[in-house]
Amino acid sequence: MQVTALAIPEVVLIEPQVHGDARGFFYESFNQRAFEQATGCAGRFVQDNHSRSAQGVLRGLHYQIRQPQGKLVRVVRGAVLDVVVDLRKSSPSFGQWVAEELSADNHRQLWVPPGFAHGFLVLSDSAECLYKTTDYYAPAHERCIAWDDPALAIDWRLRGNRPLLSPRDAQAPPLAHAEVFT
């Protein structure tokens, strides 16, 4: 496995060693010991989530203010632009973001630590994402920030197209008015 710390060093891109031939491929998608060595995160995962979305769907930017979740995200069908925003007020990278393309073809995974907002835009006809979380879903603590906040200036690669949003995501406040981590 190859591990790359991104511009926000706590956010890590994980590229597994894929063994392939004419029959197909095999790779180890998760190994607790290797994950802990790669990320320094000794926590355990308590929930697996699976989403399917159509092309142009933008989900995010989501986080839980209490019971914050770390997420290990991968795509098993299609491709997405995966975006992570640092919401830790005391961090030197507060309000900064990183983005990586995750796809069924590149097998990449993204580690999103607790204290970060997460979202993605579907680049293919459809995409299926699987992600492990370090804490349970807690609807009372779920928050969202505006995907198009000018203060964040995220390059979603939309090329003039409007994404498909949930009503909640369309109403999300900008970072300046959001509840963040201390």
Foldseek 3Di string as FASTA:
>chain_A
DDWDQDPPRLKIKDFWDWDDDPVGIDTDLDDLVVVCVRRVDNFDFDDKDKDKFFAQAKDFQKFFAPQTKKKKKAWQAAKKWKKKAAQAPPDPRHLEMDIDMHHNVRRMIMIHGGQITIMIGGHDRMIMMMMTIRGDDDVVRMAGAAPPQVSSVDPRVCVPDHGDYDPRNVPHHHSVPDDGHD
